[in-house]
């Protein structure tokens, strides 16, 4: 599996709006994208304007093409891009645990929010 860890710093005053907009992208990703098996959102306890996203995809193509062309991602990006305080930082990874089958088995539970 292909995973990314993204750190996004938001300008002061936009944290709540960012959370709301990002929730739509996270939910749309696991609900509507067959190649997305996980999308977690986290907010820093030390800096409420810093957010971390952990996303897991079947492969890099599912992220770079399917996800970035999905309507919920395009809407999210257009909504939040002016709130960024600098460029998002990304780290690409290959997952080790859970196994690929383990990731796939978790996905159905993520769409029941």
PDB file of N, CA and C in Angstrom:
ATOM      1  N   UNK A   1       0.846  -1.182   0.000  1.00  0.00           N
ATOM      2  CA  UNK A   1       0.000   0.000   0.000  1.00  0.00           C
ATOM      3  C   UNK A   1       0.892   1.245   0.000  1.00  0.00           C
ATOM      4  N   UNK A   2       0.335   2.316  -0.519  1.00  0.00           N
ATOM      5  CA  UNK A   2       1.010   3.601  -0.594  1.00  0.00           C
ATOM      6  C   UNK A   2       0.352   4.518   0.435  1.00  0.00           C
ATOM      7  N   UNK A   3       1.158   5.174   1.255  1.00  0.00           N
ATOM      8  CA  UNK A   3       0.621   6.065   2.286  1.00  0.00           C
ATOM      9  C   UNK A   3       1.320   7.411   2.216  1.00  0.00           C
ATOM     10  N   UNK A   4       0.606   8.438   2.663  1.00  0.00           N
ATOM     11  CA  UNK A   4       1.221   9.758   2.785  1.00  0.00           C
ATOM     12  C   UNK A   4       0.845  10.348   4.141  1.00  0.00           C
ATOM     13  N   UNK A   5       1.775  11.112   4.663  1.00  0.00           N
ATOM     14  CA  UNK A   5       1.561  11.867   5.895  1.00  0.00           C
ATOM     15  C   UNK A   5       1.746  13.324   5.507  1.00  0.00           C
ATOM     16  N   UNK A   6       0.699  14.116   5.686  1.00  0.00           N
ATOM     17  CA  UNK A   6       0.712  15.511   5.257  1.00  0.00           C
ATOM     18  C   UNK A   6       0.547  16.411   6.478  1.00  0.00           C
ATOM     19  N   UNK A   7       1.409  17.402   6.591  1.00  0.00           N
ATOM     20  CA  UNK A   7       1.282  18.407   7.643  1.00  0.00           C
ATOM     21  C   UNK A   7       0.911  19.726   6.980  1.00  0.00           C
ATOM     22  N   UNK A   8      -0.176  20.310   7.457  1.00  0.00           N
ATOM     23  CA  UNK A   8      -0.691  21.550   6.885  1.00  0.00           C
ATOM     24  C   UNK A   8      -0.811  22.586   7.997  1.00  0.00           C
ATOM     25  N   UNK A   9      -0.184  23.712   7.797  1.00  0.00           N
ATOM     26  CA  UNK A   9      -0.325  24.834   8.723  1.00  0.00           C
ATOM     27  C   UNK A   9      -1.342  25.804   8.120  1.00  0.00           C
ATOM     28  N   UNK A  10      -2.288  26.221   8.963  1.00  0.00           N
ATOM     29  CA  UNK A  10      -3.377  27.093   8.543  1.00  0.00           C
ATOM     30  C   UNK A  10      -3.189  28.471   9.173  1.00  0.00           C
ATOM     31  N   UNK A  11      -3.537  29.505   8.444  1.00  0.00           N
ATOM     32  CA  UNK A  11      -3.472  30.864   8.984  1.00  0.00           C
ATOM     33  C   UNK A  11      -4.403  30.987  10.189  1.00  0.00           C
ATOM     34  N   UNK A  12      -4.015  31.775  11.189  1.00  0.00           N
ATOM     35  CA  UNK A  12      -4.875  31.970  12.361  1.00  0.00           C
ATOM     36  C   UNK A  12      -6.277  32.434  11.950  1.00  0.00           C
ATOM     37  N   UNK A  13      -7.267  31.879  12.643  1.00  0.00           N
ATOM     38  CA  UNK A  13      -8.651  32.252  12.388  1.00  0.00           C
ATOM     39  C   UNK A  13      -9.393  31.331  11.438  1.00  0.00           C
ATOM     40  N   UNK A  14      -8.695  30.351  10.855  1.00  0.00           N
ATOM     41  CA  UNK A  14      -9.329  29.477   9.870  1.00  0.00           C
ATOM     42  C   UNK A  14      -9.401  28.013  10.314  1.00  0.00           C
ATOM     43  N   UNK A  15      -8.988  27.687  11.513  1.00  0.00           N
ATOM     44  CA  UNK A  15      -8.924  26.288  11.941  1.00  0.00           C
ATOM     45  C   UNK A  15     -10.280  25.592  11.879  1.00  0.00           C
ATOM     46  N   UNK A  16     -11.311  26.205  12.394  1.00  0.00           N
ATOM     47  CA  UNK A  16     -12.628  25.557  12.411  1.00  0.00           C
ATOM     48  C   UNK A  16     -13.164  25.353  10.995  1.00  0.00           C
ATOM     49  N   UNK A  17     -12.992  26.361  10.147  1.00  0.00           N
ATOM     50  CA  UNK A  17     -13.436  26.228   8.755  1.00  0.00           C
ATOM     51  C   UNK A  17     -12.628  25.149   8.038  1.00  0.00           C
ATOM     52  N   UNK A  18     -11.341  25.084   8.322  1.00  0.00           N
ATOM     53  CA  UNK A  18     -10.501  24.073   7.713  1.00  0.00           C
ATOM     54  C   UNK A  18     -10.954  22.671   8.120  1.00  0.00           C
ATOM     55  N   UNK A  19     -11.245  22.491   9.401  1.00  0.00           N
ATOM     56  CA  UNK A  19     -11.716  21.182   9.871  1.00  0.00           C
ATOM     57  C   UNK A  19     -12.997  20.768   9.147  1.00  0.00           C
ATOM     58  N   UNK A  20     -13.926  21.690   9.032  1.00  0.00           N
ATOM     59  CA  UNK A  20     -15.201  21.379   8.382  1.00  0.00           C
ATOM     60  C   UNK A  20     -14.994  21.009   6.923  1.00  0.00           C
ATOM     61  N   UNK A  21     -14.218  21.787   6.202  1.00  0.00           N
ATOM     62  CA  UNK A  21     -13.966  21.508   4.787  1.00  0.00           C
ATOM     63  C   UNK A  21     -13.195  20.202   4.613  1.00  0.00           C
ATOM     64  N   UNK A  22     -12.248  19.946   5.501  1.00  0.00           N
ATOM     65  CA  UNK A  22     -11.419  18.747   5.386  1.00  0.00           C
ATOM     66  C   UNK A  22     -12.194  17.487   5.720  1.00  0.00           C
ATOM     67  N   UNK A  23     -13.160  17.594   6.600  1.00  0.00           N
ATOM     68  CA  UNK A  23     -13.992  16.444   6.926  1.00  0.00           C
ATOM     69  C   UNK A  23     -14.714  15.947   5.679  1.00  0.00           C
ATOM     70  N   UNK A  24     -15.191  16.855   4.856  1.00  0.00           N
ATOM     71  CA  UNK A  24     -15.854  16.464   3.613  1.00  0.00           C
ATOM     72  C   UNK A  24     -14.909  15.729   2.673  1.00  0.00           C
ATOM     73  N   UNK A  25     -13.666  16.165   2.614  1.00  0.00           N
ATOM     74  CA  UNK A  25     -12.686  15.489   1.765  1.00  0.00           C
ATOM     75  C   UNK A  25     -12.344  14.116   2.324  1.00  0.00           C
ATOM     76  N   UNK A  26     -12.152  14.020   3.630  1.00  0.00           N
ATOM     77  CA  UNK A  26     -11.813  12.735   4.247  1.00  0.00           C
ATOM     78  C   UNK A  26     -12.943  11.726   4.060  1.00  0.00           C
ATOM     79  N   UNK A  27     -14.162  12.146   4.348  1.00  0.00           N
ATOM     80  CA  UNK A  27     -15.303  11.243   4.198  1.00  0.00           C
ATOM     81  C   UNK A  27     -15.499  10.837   2.745  1.00  0.00           C
ATOM     82  N   UNK A  28     -15.404  11.802   1.837  1.00  0.00           N
ATOM     83  CA  UNK A  28     -15.552  11.485   0.418  1.00  0.00           C
ATOM     84  C   UNK A  28     -14.475  10.536  -0.067  1.00  0.00           C
ATOM     85  N   UNK A  29     -13.279  10.673   0.468  1.00  0.00           N
ATOM     86  CA  UNK A  29     -12.173   9.811   0.036  1.00  0.00           C
ATOM     87  C   UNK A  29     -12.439   8.348   0.372  1.00  0.00           C
ATOM     88  N   UNK A  30     -12.774   8.049   1.628  1.00  0.00           N
ATOM     89  CA  UNK A  30     -12.990   6.649   1.999  1.00  0.00           C
ATOM     90  C   UNK A  30     -14.325   6.116   1.482  1.00  0.00           C
ATOM     91  N   UNK A  31     -15.305   6.995   1.310  1.00  0.00           N
ATOM     92  CA  UNK A  31     -16.621   6.557   0.844  1.00  0.00           C
ATOM     93  C   UNK A  31     -16.663   6.362  -0.667  1.00  0.00           C
ATOM     94  N   UNK A  32     -16.047   7.282  -1.419  1.00  0.00           N
ATOM     95  CA  UNK A  32     -16.242   7.309  -2.868  1.00  0.00           C
ATOM     96  C   UNK A  32     -15.060   6.821  -3.696  1.00  0.00           C
ATOM     97  N   UNK A  33     -13.898   6.663  -3.087  1.00  0.00           N
ATOM     98  CA  UNK A  33     -12.721   6.255  -3.842  1.00  0.00           C
ATOM     99  C   UNK A  33     -12.372   4.800  -3.529  1.00  0.00           C
ATOM    100  N   UNK A  34     -12.551   3.904  -4.490  1.00  0.00           N
ATOM    101  CA  UNK A  34     -12.211   2.494  -4.241  1.00  0.00           C
ATOM    102  C   UNK A  34     -10.757   2.300  -3.825  1.00  0.00           C
ATOM    103  N   UNK A  35      -9.861   3.141  -4.295  1.00  0.00           N
ATOM    104  CA  UNK A  35      -8.439   2.988  -3.994  1.00  0.00           C
ATOM    105  C   UNK A  35      -7.983   3.626  -2.700  1.00  0.00           C
ATOM    106  N   UNK A  36      -8.868   4.313  -1.973  1.00  0.00           N
ATOM    107  CA  UNK A  36      -8.502   4.924  -0.693  1.00  0.00           C
ATOM    108  C   UNK A  36      -9.010   4.026   0.428  1.00  0.00           C
ATOM    109  N   UNK A  37      -8.097   3.516   1.245  1.00  0.00           N
ATOM    110  CA  UNK A  37      -8.505   2.614   2.326  1.00  0.00           C
ATOM    111  C   UNK A  37      -8.443   3.261   3.705  1.00  0.00           C
ATOM    112  N   UNK A  38      -7.875   4.469   3.795  1.00  0.00           N
ATOM    113  CA  UNK A  38      -7.793   5.152   5.096  1.00  0.00           C
ATOM    114  C   UNK A  38      -7.561   6.632   4.879  1.00  0.00           C
ATOM    115  N   UNK A  39      -8.192   7.457   5.698  1.00  0.00           N
ATOM    116  CA  UNK A  39      -7.957   8.898   5.648  1.00  0.00           C
ATOM    117  C   UNK A  39      -8.229   9.436   7.049  1.00  0.00           C
ATOM    118  N   UNK A  40      -7.168   9.717   7.780  1.00  0.00           N
ATOM    119  CA  UNK A  40      -7.287  10.210   9.148  1.00  0.00           C
ATOM    120  C   UNK A  40      -6.926  11.687   9.196  1.00  0.00           C
ATOM    121  N   UNK A  41      -7.642  12.432  10.018  1.00  0.00           N
ATOM    122  CA  UNK A  41      -7.363  13.859  10.238  1.00  0.00           C
ATOM    123  C   UNK A  41      -7.013  14.056  11.704  1.00  0.00           C
ATOM    124  N   UNK A  42      -5.966  14.857  11.948  1.00  0.00           N
ATOM    125  CA  UNK A  42      -5.546  15.146  13.315  1.00  0.00           C
ATOM    126  C   UNK A  42      -5.207  16.626  13.440  1.00  0.00           C
ATOM    127  N   UNK A  43      -5.458  17.167  14.617  1.00  0.00           N
ATOM    128  CA  UNK A  43      -5.125  18.564  14.909  1.00  0.00           C
ATOM    129  C   UNK A  43      -4.098  18.572  16.031  1.00  0.00           C
ATOM    130  N   UNK A  44      -3.052  19.341  15.869  1.00  0.00           N
ATOM    131  CA  UNK A  44      -1.995  19.420  16.865  1.00  0.00           C
ATOM    132  C   UNK A  44      -2.525  19.978  18.190  1.00  0.00           C
ATOM    133  N   UNK A  45      -2.103  19.382  19.279  1.00  0.00           N
ATOM    134  CA  UNK A  45      -2.465  19.894  20.607  1.00  0.00           C
ATOM    135  C   UNK A  45      -1.609  21.109  20.964  1.00  0.00           C
ATOM    136  N   UNK A  46      -0.417  21.192  20.381  1.00  0.00           N
ATOM    137  CA  UNK A  46       0.483  22.308  20.666  1.00  0.00           C
ATOM    138  C   UNK A  46       0.173  23.546  19.833  1.00  0.00           C
ATOM    139  N   UNK A  47      -0.336  23.327  18.631  1.00  0.00           N
ATOM    140  CA  UNK A  47      -0.639  24.435  17.724  1.00  0.00           C
ATOM    141  C   UNK A  47      -1.938  24.117  17.000  1.00  0.00           C
ATOM    142  N   UNK A  48      -3.062  24.682  17.426  1.00  0.00           N
ATOM    143  CA  UNK A  48      -4.354  24.346  16.821  1.00  0.00           C
ATOM    144  C   UNK A  48      -4.478  24.747  15.352  1.00  0.00           C
ATOM    145  N   UNK A  49      -3.487  25.448  14.809  1.00  0.00           N
ATOM    146  CA  UNK A  49      -3.489  25.791  13.388  1.00  0.00           C
ATOM    147  C   UNK A  49      -2.658  24.813  12.561  1.00  0.00           C
ATOM    148  N   UNK A  50      -2.206  23.726  13.179  1.00  0.00           N
ATOM    149  CA  UNK A  50      -1.443  22.699  12.469  1.00  0.00           C
ATOM    150  C   UNK A  50      -2.247  21.409  12.437  1.00  0.00           C
ATOM    151  N   UNK A  51      -2.389  20.869  11.235  1.00  0.00           N
ATOM    152  CA  UNK A  51      -3.161  19.649  11.019  1.00  0.00           C
ATOM    153  C   UNK A  51      -2.282  18.600  10.357  1.00  0.00           C
ATOM    154  N   UNK A  52      -2.596  17.337  10.664  1.00  0.00           N
ATOM    155  CA  UNK A  52      -1.868  16.215  10.080  1.00  0.00           C
ATOM    156  C   UNK A  52      -2.886  15.274   9.448  1.00  0.00           C
ATOM    157  N   UNK A  53      -2.619  14.881   8.223  1.00  0.00           N
ATOM    158  CA  UNK A  53      -3.463  13.931   7.516  1.00  0.00           C
ATOM    159  C   UNK A  53      -2.651  12.669   7.264  1.00  0.00           C
ATOM    160  N   UNK A  54      -3.248  11.528   7.520  1.00  0.00           N
ATOM    161  CA  UNK A  54      -2.612  10.244   7.207  1.00  0.00           C
ATOM    162  C   UNK A  54      -3.550   9.525   6.260  1.00  0.00           C
ATOM    163  N   UNK A  55      -3.059   9.240   5.069  1.00  0.00           N
ATOM    164  CA  UNK A  55      -3.890   8.656   4.029  1.00  0.00           C
ATOM    165  C   UNK A  55      -3.223   7.395   3.489  1.00  0.00           C
ATOM    166  N   UNK A  56      -4.031   6.362   3.244  1.00  0.00           N
ATOM    167  CA  UNK A  56      -3.513   5.105   2.703  1.00  0.00           C
ATOM    168  C   UNK A  56      -4.313   4.756   1.455  1.00  0.00           C
ATOM    169  N   UNK A  57      -3.575   4.445   0.396  1.00  0.00           N
ATOM    170  CA  UNK A  57      -4.168   4.120  -0.903  1.00  0.00           C
ATOM    171  C   UNK A  57      -3.638   2.783  -1.402  1.00  0.00           C
ATOM    172  N   UNK A  58      -4.393   2.171  -2.290  1.00  0.00           N
ATOM    173  CA  UNK A  58      -3.968   0.909  -2.897  1.00  0.00           C
ATOM    174  C   UNK A  58      -2.611   1.053  -3.579  1.00  0.00           C
ATOM    175  N   UNK A  59      -2.381   2.201  -4.192  1.00  0.00           N
ATOM    176  CA  UNK A  59      -1.120   2.447  -4.898  1.00  0.00           C
ATOM    177  C   UNK A  59      -0.996   3.953  -5.132  1.00  0.00           C
ATOM    178  N   UNK A  60       0.135   4.348  -5.648  1.00  0.00           N
ATOM    179  CA  UNK A  60       0.392   5.773  -5.855  1.00  0.00           C
ATOM    180  C   UNK A  60      -0.573   6.381  -6.873  1.00  0.00           C
ATOM    181  N   UNK A  61      -0.955   5.622  -7.885  1.00  0.00           N
ATOM    182  CA  UNK A  61      -1.903   6.115  -8.883  1.00  0.00           C
ATOM    183  C   UNK A  61      -3.258   6.456  -8.255  1.00  0.00           C
ATOM    184  N   UNK A  62      -3.697   5.645  -7.289  1.00  0.00           N
ATOM    185  CA  UNK A  62      -4.977   5.918  -6.620  1.00  0.00           C
ATOM    186  C   UNK A  62      -4.941   7.258  -5.892  1.00  0.00           C
ATOM    187  N   UNK A  63      -3.757   7.656  -5.447  1.00  0.00           N
ATOM    188  CA  UNK A  63      -3.629   8.960  -4.791  1.00  0.00           C
ATOM    189  C   UNK A  63      -3.454  10.079  -5.804  1.00  0.00           C
ATOM    190  N   UNK A  64      -2.451   9.945  -6.659  1.00  0.00           N
ATOM    191  CA  UNK A  64      -2.093  11.049  -7.552  1.00  0.00           C
ATOM    192  C   UNK A  64      -3.116  11.306  -8.646  1.00  0.00           C
ATOM    193  N   UNK A  65      -3.818  10.288  -9.077  1.00  0.00           N
ATOM    194  CA  UNK A  65      -4.786  10.489 -10.158  1.00  0.00           C
ATOM    195  C   UNK A  65      -6.235  10.428  -9.669  1.00  0.00           C
ATOM    196  N   UNK A  66      -6.639   9.307  -9.088  1.00  0.00           N
ATOM    197  CA  UNK A  66      -8.043   9.175  -8.674  1.00  0.00           C
ATOM    198  C   UNK A  66      -8.403  10.180  -7.576  1.00  0.00           C
ATOM    199  N   UNK A  67      -7.582  10.271  -6.535  1.00  0.00           N
ATOM    200  CA  UNK A  67      -7.920  11.169  -5.425  1.00  0.00           C
ATOM    201  C   UNK A  67      -7.863  12.634  -5.849  1.00  0.00           C
ATOM    202  N   UNK A  68      -6.793  13.020  -6.487  1.00  0.00           N
ATOM    203  CA  UNK A  68      -6.625  14.441  -6.829  1.00  0.00           C
ATOM    204  C   UNK A  68      -7.582  14.914  -7.923  1.00  0.00           C
ATOM    205  N   UNK A  69      -8.260  13.997  -8.585  1.00  0.00           N
ATOM    206  CA  UNK A  69      -9.255  14.372  -9.588  1.00  0.00           C
ATOM    207  C   UNK A  69     -10.687  14.153  -9.099  1.00  0.00           C
ATOM    208  N   UNK A  70     -10.832  13.686  -7.861  1.00  0.00           N
ATOM    209  CA  UNK A  70     -12.169  13.437  -7.308  1.00  0.00           C
ATOM    210  C   UNK A  70     -12.851  14.769  -6.991  1.00  0.00           C
ATOM    211  N   UNK A  71     -14.159  14.857  -7.207  1.00  0.00           N
ATOM    212  CA  UNK A  71     -14.880  16.113  -6.950  1.00  0.00           C
ATOM    213  C   UNK A  71     -14.705  16.641  -5.526  1.00  0.00           C
ATOM    214  N   UNK A  72     -14.714  15.752  -4.522  1.00  0.00           N
ATOM    215  CA  UNK A  72     -14.567  16.228  -3.138  1.00  0.00           C
ATOM    216  C   UNK A  72     -13.181  16.813  -2.896  1.00  0.00           C
ATOM    217  N   UNK A  73     -12.136  16.268  -3.531  1.00  0.00           N
ATOM    218  CA  UNK A  73     -10.791  16.824  -3.372  1.00  0.00           C
ATOM    219  C   UNK A  73     -10.690  18.191  -4.053  1.00  0.00           C
ATOM    220  N   UNK A  74     -11.213  18.287  -5.258  1.00  0.00           N
ATOM    221  CA  UNK A  74     -11.151  19.558  -5.992  1.00  0.00           C
ATOM    222  C   UNK A  74     -11.883  20.646  -5.211  1.00  0.00           C
ATOM    223  N   UNK A  75     -13.052  20.323  -4.680  1.00  0.00           N
ATOM    224  CA  UNK A  75     -13.806  21.290  -3.878  1.00  0.00           C
ATOM    225  C   UNK A  75     -13.008  21.675  -2.634  1.00  0.00           C
ATOM    226  N   UNK A  76     -12.413  20.673  -1.954  1.00  0.00           N
ATOM    227  CA  UNK A  76     -11.613  20.944  -0.762  1.00  0.00           C
ATOM    228  C   UNK A  76     -10.456  21.874  -1.077  1.00  0.00           C
ATOM    229  N   UNK A  77      -9.704  21.542  -2.112  1.00  0.00           N
ATOM    230  CA  UNK A  77      -8.516  22.325  -2.459  1.00  0.00           C
ATOM    231  C   UNK A  77      -8.892  23.778  -2.789  1.00  0.00           C
ATOM    232  N   UNK A  78      -9.955  23.951  -3.570  1.00  0.00           N
ATOM    233  CA  UNK A  78     -10.393  25.307  -3.920  1.00  0.00           C
ATOM    234  C   UNK A  78     -10.837  26.081  -2.678  1.00  0.00           C
ATOM    235  N   UNK A  79     -11.420  25.390  -1.720  1.00  0.00           N
ATOM    236  CA  UNK A  79     -11.920  26.038  -0.506  1.00  0.00           C
ATOM    237  C   UNK A  79     -10.790  26.425   0.436  1.00  0.00           C
ATOM    238  N   UNK A  80      -9.821  25.540   0.641  1.00  0.00           N
ATOM    239  CA  UNK A  80      -8.839  25.742   1.713  1.00  0.00           C
ATOM    240  C   UNK A  80      -7.512  26.348   1.275  1.00  0.00           C
ATOM    241  N   UNK A  81      -7.209  26.371   0.005  1.00  0.00           N
ATOM    242  CA  UNK A  81      -5.853  26.756  -0.414  1.00  0.00           C
ATOM    243  C   UNK A  81      -5.441  28.160   0.042  1.00  0.00           C
ATOM    244  N   UNK A  82      -6.363  29.094   0.147  1.00  0.00           N
ATOM    245  CA  UNK A  82      -6.001  30.440   0.604  1.00  0.00           C
ATOM    246  C   UNK A  82      -5.775  30.506   2.116  1.00  0.00           C
ATOM    247  N   UNK A  83      -6.141  29.442   2.838  1.00  0.00           N
ATOM    248  CA  UNK A  83      -5.959  29.397   4.281  1.00  0.00           C
ATOM    249  C   UNK A  83      -4.599  28.825   4.669  1.00  0.00           C
ATOM    250  N   UNK A  84      -3.880  28.227   3.710  1.00  0.00           N
ATOM    251  CA  UNK A  84      -2.585  27.623   4.009  1.00  0.00           C
ATOM    252  C   UNK A  84      -1.596  28.689   4.458  1.00  0.00           C
ATOM    253  N   UNK A  85      -0.832  28.369   5.482  1.00  0.00           N
ATOM    254  CA  UNK A  85       0.263  29.218   5.947  1.00  0.00           C
ATOM    255  C   UNK A  85       1.550  28.516   5.507  1.00  0.00           C
ATOM    256  N   UNK A  86       1.908  28.698   4.249  1.00  0.00           N
ATOM    257  CA  UNK A  86       3.029  27.974   3.660  1.00  0.00           C
ATOM    258  C   UNK A  86       2.533  26.748   2.908  1.00  0.00           C
ATOM    259  N   UNK A  87       3.445  26.054   2.307  1.00  0.00           N
ATOM    260  CA  UNK A  87       3.101  24.853   1.542  1.00  0.00           C
ATOM    261  C   UNK A  87       2.945  23.647   2.467  1.00  0.00           C
ATOM    262  N   UNK A  88       1.960  22.789   2.199  1.00  0.00           N
ATOM    263  CA  UNK A  88       1.850  21.543   2.972  1.00  0.00           C
ATOM    264  C   UNK A  88       3.126  20.703   2.809  1.00  0.00           C
ATOM    265  N   UNK A  89       3.492  20.021   3.874  1.00  0.00           N
ATOM    266  CA  UNK A  89       4.652  19.136   3.852  1.00  0.00           C
ATOM    267  C   UNK A  89       4.152  17.702   3.716  1.00  0.00           C
ATOM    268  N   UNK A  90       4.730  16.953   2.781  1.00  0.00           N
ATOM    269  CA  UNK A  90       4.284  15.583   2.516  1.00  0.00           C
ATOM    270  C   UNK A  90       5.433  14.599   2.668  1.00  0.00           C
ATOM    271  N   UNK A  91       5.101  13.449   3.243  1.00  0.00           N
ATOM    272  CA  UNK A  91       6.038  12.333   3.318  1.00  0.00           C
ATOM    273  C   UNK A  91       5.330  11.137   2.721  1.00  0.00           C
ATOM    274  N   UNK A  92       5.904  10.544   1.678  1.00  0.00           N
ATOM    275  CA  UNK A  92       5.334   9.356   1.041  1.00  0.00           C
ATOM    276  C   UNK A  92       5.977   8.116   1.655  1.00  0.00           C
ATOM    277  N   UNK A  93       5.170   7.062   1.823  1.00  0.00           N
ATOM    278  CA  UNK A  93       5.634   5.846   2.494  1.00  0.00           C
ATOM    279  C   UNK A  93       5.030   4.607   1.855  1.00  0.00           C
ATOM    280  N   UNK A  94       5.640   3.492   2.162  1.00  0.00           N
ATOM    281  CA  UNK A  94       5.073   2.181   1.871  1.00  0.00           C
ATOM    282  C   UNK A  94       4.653   1.593   3.211  1.00  0.00           C
ATOM    283  N   UNK A  95       3.443   1.076   3.299  1.00  0.00           N
ATOM    284  CA  UNK A  95       2.984   0.521   4.574  1.00  0.00           C
ATOM    285  C   UNK A  95       3.627  -0.845   4.824  1.00  0.00           C
ATOM    286  N   UNK A  96       3.790  -1.156   6.089  1.00  0.00           N
ATOM    287  CA  UNK A  96       4.327  -2.454   6.498  1.00  0.00           C
ATOM    288  C   UNK A  96       3.265  -3.233   7.271  1.00  0.00           C
ATOM    289  N   UNK A  97       2.638  -2.582   8.229  1.00  0.00           N
ATOM    290  CA  UNK A  97       1.585  -3.203   9.031  1.00  0.00           C
ATOM    291  C   UNK A  97       0.473  -2.195   9.212  1.00  0.00           C
ATOM    292  N   UNK A  98      -0.751  -2.578   9.038  1.00  0.00           N
ATOM    293  CA  UNK A  98      -1.267  -3.894   8.698  1.00  0.00           C
ATOM    294  C   UNK A  98      -0.876  -4.342   7.283  1.00  0.00           C
ATOM    295  N   UNK A  99      -1.176  -5.587   7.000  1.00  0.00           N
ATOM    296  CA  UNK A  99      -0.955  -6.116   5.660  1.00  0.00           C
ATOM    297  C   UNK A  99      -1.921  -5.438   4.693  1.00  0.00           C
ATOM    298  N   UNK A 100      -1.703  -5.604   3.414  1.00  0.00           N
ATOM    299  CA  UNK A 100      -2.626  -5.026   2.425  1.00  0.00           C
ATOM    300  C   UNK A 100      -4.054  -5.504   2.679  1.00  0.00           C
ATOM    301  N   UNK A 101      -4.204  -6.795   2.968  1.00  0.00           N
ATOM    302  CA  UNK A 101      -5.525  -7.333   3.276  1.00  0.00           C
ATOM    303  C   UNK A 101      -6.107  -6.737   4.547  1.00  0.00           C
ATOM    304  N   UNK A 102      -5.255  -6.458   5.511  1.00  0.00           N
ATOM    305  CA  UNK A 102      -5.703  -5.829   6.752  1.00  0.00           C
ATOM    306  C   UNK A 102      -6.232  -4.431   6.511  1.00  0.00           C
ATOM    307  N   UNK A 103      -5.536  -3.662   5.669  1.00  0.00           N
ATOM    308  CA  UNK A 103      -6.027  -2.320   5.315  1.00  0.00           C
ATOM    309  C   UNK A 103      -7.379  -2.422   4.632  1.00  0.00           C
ATOM    310  N   UNK A 104      -7.483  -3.330   3.668  1.00  0.00           N
ATOM    311  CA  UNK A 104      -8.754  -3.469   2.933  1.00  0.00           C
ATOM    312  C   UNK A 104      -9.894  -3.882   3.862  1.00  0.00           C
ATOM    313  N   UNK A 105      -9.608  -4.736   4.829  1.00  0.00           N
ATOM    314  CA  UNK A 105     -10.640  -5.211   5.754  1.00  0.00           C
ATOM    315  C   UNK A 105     -11.154  -4.092   6.654  1.00  0.00           C
ATOM    316  N   UNK A 106     -10.328  -3.078   6.932  1.00  0.00           N
ATOM    317  CA  UNK A 106     -10.740  -1.970   7.794  1.00  0.00           C
ATOM    318  C   UNK A 106     -11.654  -0.972   7.100  1.00  0.00           C
ATOM    319  N   UNK A 107     -11.533  -0.868   5.790  1.00  0.00           N
ATOM    320  CA  UNK A 107     -12.243   0.177   5.062  1.00  0.00           C
ATOM    321  C   UNK A 107     -13.758   0.194   5.301  1.00  0.00           C
ATOM    322  N   UNK A 108     -14.454  -0.942   5.274  1.00  0.00           N
ATOM    323  CA  UNK A 108     -15.903  -0.878   5.466  1.00  0.00           C
ATOM    324  C   UNK A 108     -16.308  -0.224   6.790  1.00  0.00           C
ATOM    325  N   UNK A 109     -15.480  -0.334   7.811  1.00  0.00           N
ATOM    326  CA  UNK A 109     -15.792   0.286   9.101  1.00  0.00           C
ATOM    327  C   UNK A 109     -15.601   1.795   9.089  1.00  0.00           C
ATOM    328  N   UNK A 110     -14.839   2.302   8.157  1.00  0.00           N
ATOM    329  CA  UNK A 110     -14.570   3.748   8.110  1.00  0.00           C
ATOM    330  C   UNK A 110     -15.721   4.545   7.505  1.00  0.00           C
ATOM    331  N   UNK A 111     -16.605   3.901   6.797  1.00  0.00           N
ATOM    332  CA  UNK A 111     -17.690   4.634   6.148  1.00  0.00           C
ATOM    333  C   UNK A 111     -18.939   4.720   7.029  1.00  0.00           C
ATOM    334  N   UNK A 112     -18.853   4.237   8.253  1.00  0.00           N
ATOM    335  CA  UNK A 112     -19.984   4.281   9.196  1.00  0.00           C
ATOM    336  C   UNK A 112     -19.739   5.354  10.253  1.00  0.00           C
ATOM    337  N   UNK A 113     -19.772   6.609   9.854  1.00  0.00           N
ATOM    338  CA  UNK A 113     -19.516   7.681  10.816  1.00  0.00           C
ATOM    339  C   UNK A 113     -20.788   8.219  11.338  1.00  0.00           C
TER     340      UNK A 113
END
